[in-house]
PDB file of all heavy atoms in Angstrom:
ATOM      1  N   ALA A   1      -0.480  -4.467  -2.391  1.00  0.00           N
ATOM      2  CA  ALA A   1      -1.278  -5.079  -1.330  1.00  0.00           C
ATOM      3  C   ALA A   1      -2.585  -4.317  -1.141  1.00  0.00           C
ATOM      4  O   ALA A   1      -2.673  -3.117  -1.434  1.00  0.00           O
ATOM      5  CB  ALA A   1      -0.482  -5.092  -0.029  1.00  0.00           C
ATOM      6  N   ALA A   2      -3.620  -5.029  -0.650  1.00  0.00           N
ATOM      7  CA  ALA A   2      -4.931  -4.440  -0.359  1.00  0.00           C
ATOM      8  C   ALA A   2      -5.477  -3.664  -1.550  1.00  0.00           C
ATOM      9  O   ALA A   2      -5.890  -2.517  -1.433  1.00  0.00           O
ATOM     10  CB  ALA A   2      -4.850  -3.558   0.881  1.00  0.00           C
ATOM     11  N   HIS A   3      -5.488  -4.282  -2.679  1.00  0.00           N
ATOM     12  CA  HIS A   3      -6.021  -3.705  -3.908  1.00  0.00           C
ATOM     13  C   HIS A   3      -7.171  -4.550  -4.442  1.00  0.00           C
ATOM     14  O   HIS A   3      -7.329  -5.715  -4.078  1.00  0.00           O
ATOM     15  CB  HIS A   3      -4.931  -3.609  -4.980  1.00  0.00           C
ATOM     16  CG  HIS A   3      -4.159  -2.326  -4.939  1.00  0.00           C
ATOM     17  ND1 HIS A   3      -3.455  -1.917  -3.821  1.00  0.00           N
ATOM     18  CD2 HIS A   3      -3.980  -1.352  -5.882  1.00  0.00           C
ATOM     19  CE1 HIS A   3      -2.870  -0.750  -4.068  1.00  0.00           C
ATOM     20  NE2 HIS A   3      -3.177  -0.390  -5.317  1.00  0.00           N
ATOM     21  N   SER A   4      -7.967  -3.931  -5.289  1.00  0.00           N
ATOM     22  CA  SER A   4      -9.035  -4.645  -5.992  1.00  0.00           C
ATOM     23  C   SER A   4      -8.864  -4.443  -7.496  1.00  0.00           C
ATOM     24  O   SER A   4      -8.289  -3.435  -7.944  1.00  0.00           O
ATOM     25  CB  SER A   4     -10.410  -4.146  -5.548  1.00  0.00           C
ATOM     26  OG  SER A   4     -10.648  -4.470  -4.186  1.00  0.00           O
ATOM     27  N   MET A   5      -9.391  -5.397  -8.248  1.00  0.00           N
ATOM     28  CA  MET A   5      -9.251  -5.369  -9.705  1.00  0.00           C
ATOM     29  C   MET A   5     -10.589  -5.748 -10.328  1.00  0.00           C
ATOM     30  O   MET A   5     -11.247  -6.692  -9.890  1.00  0.00           O
ATOM     31  CB  MET A   5      -8.176  -6.349 -10.148  1.00  0.00           C
ATOM     32  CG  MET A   5      -7.943  -6.416 -11.643  1.00  0.00           C
ATOM     33  SD  MET A   5      -6.713  -7.677 -12.068  1.00  0.00           S
ATOM     34  CE  MET A   5      -7.664  -9.172 -11.767  1.00  0.00           C
ATOM     35  N   VAL A   6     -10.965  -5.009 -11.362  1.00  0.00           N
ATOM     36  CA  VAL A   6     -12.214  -5.272 -12.083  1.00  0.00           C
ATOM     37  C   VAL A   6     -11.865  -5.712 -13.497  1.00  0.00           C
ATOM     38  O   VAL A   6     -10.985  -5.141 -14.137  1.00  0.00           O
ATOM     39  CB  VAL A   6     -13.106  -4.013 -12.134  1.00  0.00           C
ATOM     40  CG1 VAL A   6     -14.409  -4.300 -12.879  1.00  0.00           C
ATOM     41  CG2 VAL A   6     -13.398  -3.499 -10.722  1.00  0.00           C
ATOM     42  N   PHE A   7     -12.554  -6.735 -13.982  1.00  0.00           N
ATOM     43  CA  PHE A   7     -12.361  -7.117 -15.382  1.00  0.00           C
ATOM     44  C   PHE A   7     -13.703  -7.445 -16.028  1.00  0.00           C
ATOM     45  O   PHE A   7     -14.654  -7.888 -15.384  1.00  0.00           O
ATOM     46  CB  PHE A   7     -11.363  -8.266 -15.539  1.00  0.00           C
ATOM     47  CG  PHE A   7     -11.685  -9.524 -14.769  1.00  0.00           C
ATOM     48  CD1 PHE A   7     -12.373 -10.571 -15.360  1.00  0.00           C
ATOM     49  CD2 PHE A   7     -11.259  -9.665 -13.457  1.00  0.00           C
ATOM     50  CE1 PHE A   7     -12.634 -11.739 -14.658  1.00  0.00           C
ATOM     51  CE2 PHE A   7     -11.527 -10.831 -12.740  1.00  0.00           C
ATOM     52  CZ  PHE A   7     -12.218 -11.878 -13.347  1.00  0.00           C
ATOM     53  N   ALA A   8     -13.768  -7.181 -17.334  1.00  0.00           N
ATOM     54  CA  ALA A   8     -14.977  -7.429 -18.124  1.00  0.00           C
ATOM     55  C   ALA A   8     -14.576  -7.554 -19.582  1.00  0.00           C
ATOM     56  O   ALA A   8     -13.630  -6.898 -20.036  1.00  0.00           O
ATOM     57  CB  ALA A   8     -15.989  -6.291 -17.948  1.00  0.00           C
ATOM     58  N   GLY A   9     -15.282  -8.395 -20.303  1.00  0.00           N
ATOM     59  CA  GLY A   9     -15.017  -8.536 -21.734  1.00  0.00           C
ATOM     60  C   GLY A   9     -13.624  -8.993 -22.049  1.00  0.00           C
ATOM     61  O   GLY A   9     -13.074  -8.649 -23.100  1.00  0.00           O
ATOM     62  N   GLY A  10     -13.017  -9.778 -21.157  1.00  0.00           N
ATOM     63  CA  GLY A  10     -11.707 -10.331 -21.430  1.00  0.00           C
ATOM     64  C   GLY A  10     -10.546  -9.430 -21.101  1.00  0.00           C
ATOM     65  O   GLY A  10      -9.409  -9.751 -21.427  1.00  0.00           O
ATOM     66  N   ARG A  11     -10.778  -8.304 -20.446  1.00  0.00           N
ATOM     67  CA  ARG A  11      -9.661  -7.419 -20.128  1.00  0.00           C
ATOM     68  C   ARG A  11      -9.862  -6.752 -18.771  1.00  0.00           C
ATOM     69  O   ARG A  11     -10.991  -6.597 -18.293  1.00  0.00           O
ATOM     70  CB  ARG A  11      -9.490  -6.359 -21.208  1.00  0.00           C
ATOM     71  CG  ARG A  11     -10.699  -5.508 -21.447  1.00  0.00           C
ATOM     72  CD  ARG A  11     -10.469  -4.509 -22.580  1.00  0.00           C
ATOM     73  NE  ARG A  11      -9.377  -3.590 -22.272  1.00  0.00           N
ATOM     74  CZ  ARG A  11      -9.181  -2.447 -22.930  1.00  0.00           C
ATOM     75  NH1 ARG A  11      -9.979  -2.098 -23.920  1.00  0.00           N
ATOM     76  NH2 ARG A  11      -8.187  -1.658 -22.602  1.00  0.00           N
ATOM     77  N   VAL A  12      -8.755  -6.342 -18.159  1.00  0.00           N
ATOM     78  CA  VAL A  12      -8.819  -5.602 -16.892  1.00  0.00           C
ATOM     79  C   VAL A  12      -9.280  -4.185 -17.196  1.00  0.00           C
ATOM     80  O   VAL A  12      -8.737  -3.509 -18.076  1.00  0.00           O
ATOM     81  CB  VAL A  12      -7.438  -5.576 -16.206  1.00  0.00           C
ATOM     82  CG1 VAL A  12      -7.474  -4.709 -14.963  1.00  0.00           C
ATOM     83  CG2 VAL A  12      -6.992  -6.992 -15.859  1.00  0.00           C
ATOM     84  N   THR A  13     -10.291  -3.719 -16.455  1.00  0.00           N
ATOM     85  CA  THR A  13     -10.841  -2.379 -16.704  1.00  0.00           C
ATOM     86  C   THR A  13     -10.541  -1.383 -15.591  1.00  0.00           C
ATOM     87  O   THR A  13     -10.520  -0.167 -15.832  1.00  0.00           O
ATOM     88  CB  THR A  13     -12.361  -2.462 -16.904  1.00  0.00           C
ATOM     89  OG1 THR A  13     -12.960  -3.077 -15.746  1.00  0.00           O
ATOM     90  CG2 THR A  13     -12.706  -3.277 -18.143  1.00  0.00           C
ATOM     91  N   GLU A  14     -10.305  -1.870 -14.368  1.00  0.00           N
ATOM     92  CA  GLU A  14     -10.011  -0.973 -13.249  1.00  0.00           C
ATOM     93  C   GLU A  14      -9.064  -1.661 -12.273  1.00  0.00           C
ATOM     94  O   GLU A  14      -9.114  -2.880 -12.093  1.00  0.00           O
ATOM     95  CB  GLU A  14     -11.282  -0.576 -12.489  1.00  0.00           C
ATOM     96  CG  GLU A  14     -12.280   0.248 -13.273  1.00  0.00           C
ATOM     97  CD  GLU A  14     -13.475   0.608 -12.420  1.00  0.00           C
ATOM     98  OE1 GLU A  14     -13.329   1.469 -11.531  1.00  0.00           O
ATOM     99  OE2 GLU A  14     -14.541  -0.009 -12.609  1.00  0.00           O
ATOM    100  N   LEU A  15      -8.236  -0.865 -11.609  1.00  0.00           N
ATOM    101  CA  LEU A  15      -7.310  -1.379 -10.622  1.00  0.00           C
ATOM    102  C   LEU A  15      -7.027  -0.264  -9.632  1.00  0.00           C
ATOM    103  O   LEU A  15      -6.740   0.868 -10.025  1.00  0.00           O
ATOM    104  CB  LEU A  15      -5.999  -1.817 -11.300  1.00  0.00           C
ATOM    105  CG  LEU A  15      -4.844  -2.266 -10.412  1.00  0.00           C
ATOM    106  CD1 LEU A  15      -5.203  -3.551  -9.689  1.00  0.00           C
ATOM    107  CD2 LEU A  15      -3.582  -2.465 -11.268  1.00  0.00           C
ATOM    108  N   GLY A  16      -7.151  -0.554  -8.330  1.00  0.00           N
ATOM    109  CA  GLY A  16      -6.888   0.477  -7.346  1.00  0.00           C
ATOM    110  C   GLY A  16      -6.995  -0.036  -5.928  1.00  0.00           C
ATOM    111  O   GLY A  16      -7.293  -1.224  -5.698  1.00  0.00           O
ATOM    112  N   PRO A  17      -6.759   0.827  -4.928  1.00  0.00           N
ATOM    113  CA  PRO A  17      -6.868   0.431  -3.525  1.00  0.00           C
ATOM    114  C   PRO A  17      -8.239  -0.164  -3.221  1.00  0.00           C
ATOM    115  O   PRO A  17      -9.270   0.333  -3.692  1.00  0.00           O
ATOM    116  CB  PRO A  17      -6.645   1.737  -2.764  1.00  0.00           C
ATOM    117  CG  PRO A  17      -5.836   2.581  -3.710  1.00  0.00           C
ATOM    118  CD  PRO A  17      -6.340   2.239  -5.077  1.00  0.00           C
ATOM    119  N   ALA A  18      -8.256  -1.236  -2.417  1.00  0.00           N
ATOM    120  CA  ALA A  18      -9.506  -1.943  -2.139  1.00  0.00           C
ATOM    121  C   ALA A  18     -10.550  -1.029  -1.519  1.00  0.00           C
ATOM    122  O   ALA A  18     -11.750  -1.148  -1.808  1.00  0.00           O
ATOM    123  CB  ALA A  18      -9.220  -3.130  -1.216  1.00  0.00           C
ATOM    124  N   ALA A  19     -10.132  -0.086  -0.686  1.00  0.00           N
ATOM    125  CA  ALA A  19     -11.092   0.799  -0.015  1.00  0.00           C
ATOM    126  C   ALA A  19     -11.927   1.600  -1.005  1.00  0.00           C
ATOM    127  O   ALA A  19     -13.083   1.938  -0.729  1.00  0.00           O
ATOM    128  CB  ALA A  19     -10.345   1.735   0.932  1.00  0.00           C
ATOM    129  N   ASP A  20     -11.349   1.888  -2.181  1.00  0.00           N
ATOM    130  CA  ASP A  20     -12.059   2.689  -3.179  1.00  0.00           C
ATOM    131  C   ASP A  20     -13.211   1.925  -3.829  1.00  0.00           C
ATOM    132  O   ASP A  20     -14.058   2.529  -4.496  1.00  0.00           O
ATOM    133  CB  ASP A  20     -11.098   3.154  -4.273  1.00  0.00           C
ATOM    134  CG  ASP A  20     -10.021   4.090  -3.746  1.00  0.00           C
ATOM    135  OD1 ASP A  20     -10.152   4.540  -2.580  1.00  0.00           O
ATOM    136  OD2 ASP A  20      -9.062   4.354  -4.490  1.00  0.00           O
ATOM    137  N   PHE A  21     -13.252   0.606  -3.638  1.00  0.00           N
ATOM    138  CA  PHE A  21     -14.256  -0.220  -4.314  1.00  0.00           C
ATOM    139  C   PHE A  21     -15.332  -0.745  -3.364  1.00  0.00           C
ATOM    140  O   PHE A  21     -16.334  -1.294  -3.812  1.00  0.00           O
ATOM    141  CB  PHE A  21     -13.583  -1.423  -4.994  1.00  0.00           C
ATOM    142  CG  PHE A  21     -12.725  -1.059  -6.171  1.00  0.00           C
ATOM    143  CD1 PHE A  21     -11.420  -0.622  -5.988  1.00  0.00           C
ATOM    144  CD2 PHE A  21     -13.205  -1.150  -7.470  1.00  0.00           C
ATOM    145  CE1 PHE A  21     -10.613  -0.285  -7.059  1.00  0.00           C
ATOM    146  CE2 PHE A  21     -12.411  -0.815  -8.552  1.00  0.00           C
ATOM    147  CZ  PHE A  21     -11.113  -0.376  -8.353  1.00  0.00           C
ATOM    148  N   GLU A  22     -15.137  -0.579  -2.053  1.00  0.00           N
ATOM    149  CA  GLU A  22     -16.019  -1.253  -1.104  1.00  0.00           C
ATOM    150  C   GLU A  22     -17.473  -0.789  -1.214  1.00  0.00           C
ATOM    151  O   GLU A  22     -18.406  -1.594  -1.113  1.00  0.00           O
ATOM    152  CB  GLU A  22     -15.495  -1.094   0.317  1.00  0.00           C
ATOM    153  CG  GLU A  22     -14.239  -1.926   0.595  1.00  0.00           C
ATOM    154  CD  GLU A  22     -14.423  -3.391   0.228  1.00  0.00           C
ATOM    155  OE1 GLU A  22     -15.206  -4.068   0.897  1.00  0.00           O
ATOM    156  OE2 GLU A  22     -13.795  -3.849  -0.758  1.00  0.00           O
ATOM    157  N   LYS A  23     -17.700   0.493  -1.397  1.00  0.00           N
ATOM    158  CA  LYS A  23     -19.078   0.982  -1.510  1.00  0.00           C
ATOM    159  C   LYS A  23     -19.749   0.403  -2.741  1.00  0.00           C
ATOM    160  O   LYS A  23     -20.924   0.010  -2.693  1.00  0.00           O
ATOM    161  CB  LYS A  23     -19.086   2.508  -1.559  1.00  0.00           C
ATOM    162  CG  LYS A  23     -20.486   3.108  -1.562  1.00  0.00           C
ATOM    163  CD  LYS A  23     -20.425   4.624  -1.485  1.00  0.00           C
ATOM    164  CE  LYS A  23     -21.838   5.220  -1.459  1.00  0.00           C
ATOM    165  NZ  LYS A  23     -21.798   6.698  -1.376  1.00  0.00           N
ATOM    166  N   ARG A  24     -19.029   0.314  -3.836  1.00  0.00           N
ATOM    167  CA  ARG A  24     -19.588  -0.229  -5.075  1.00  0.00           C
ATOM    168  C   ARG A  24     -19.873  -1.721  -4.930  1.00  0.00           C
ATOM    169  O   ARG A  24     -20.850  -2.239  -5.462  1.00  0.00           O
ATOM    170  CB  ARG A  24     -18.633   0.031  -6.228  1.00  0.00           C
ATOM    171  CG  ARG A  24     -18.464   1.530  -6.527  1.00  0.00           C
ATOM    172  CD  ARG A  24     -17.260   1.793  -7.401  1.00  0.00           C
ATOM    173  NE  ARG A  24     -17.400   1.186  -8.731  1.00  0.00           N
ATOM    174  CZ  ARG A  24     -16.415   1.105  -9.606  1.00  0.00           C
ATOM    175  NH1 ARG A  24     -15.206   1.578  -9.288  1.00  0.00           N
ATOM    176  NH2 ARG A  24     -16.626   0.551 -10.793  1.00  0.00           N
ATOM    177  N   VAL A  25     -19.014  -2.415  -4.170  1.00  0.00           N
ATOM    178  CA  VAL A  25     -19.265  -3.835  -3.904  1.00  0.00           C
ATOM    179  C   VAL A  25     -20.538  -3.986  -3.081  1.00  0.00           C
ATOM    180  O   VAL A  25     -21.398  -4.831  -3.369  1.00  0.00           O
ATOM    181  CB  VAL A  25     -18.061  -4.475  -3.172  1.00  0.00           C
ATOM    182  CG1 VAL A  25     -18.428  -5.879  -2.671  1.00  0.00           C
ATOM    183  CG2 VAL A  25     -16.842  -4.520  -4.077  1.00  0.00           C
ATOM    184  N   ALA A  26     -20.693  -3.133  -2.052  1.00  0.00           N
ATOM    185  CA  ALA A  26     -21.846  -3.220  -1.158  1.00  0.00           C
ATOM    186  C   ALA A  26     -23.163  -2.946  -1.875  1.00  0.00           C
ATOM    187  O   ALA A  26     -24.209  -3.511  -1.512  1.00  0.00           O
ATOM    188  CB  ALA A  26     -21.673  -2.256   0.012  1.00  0.00           C
TER     189      ALA A  26
END
């Protein structure tokens, strides 16, 4: 729960708690 996932080039590249990605999203 409350996770984010990054994918590029047809594959998942990152997965972790959503809070760890919020600054990069912003």
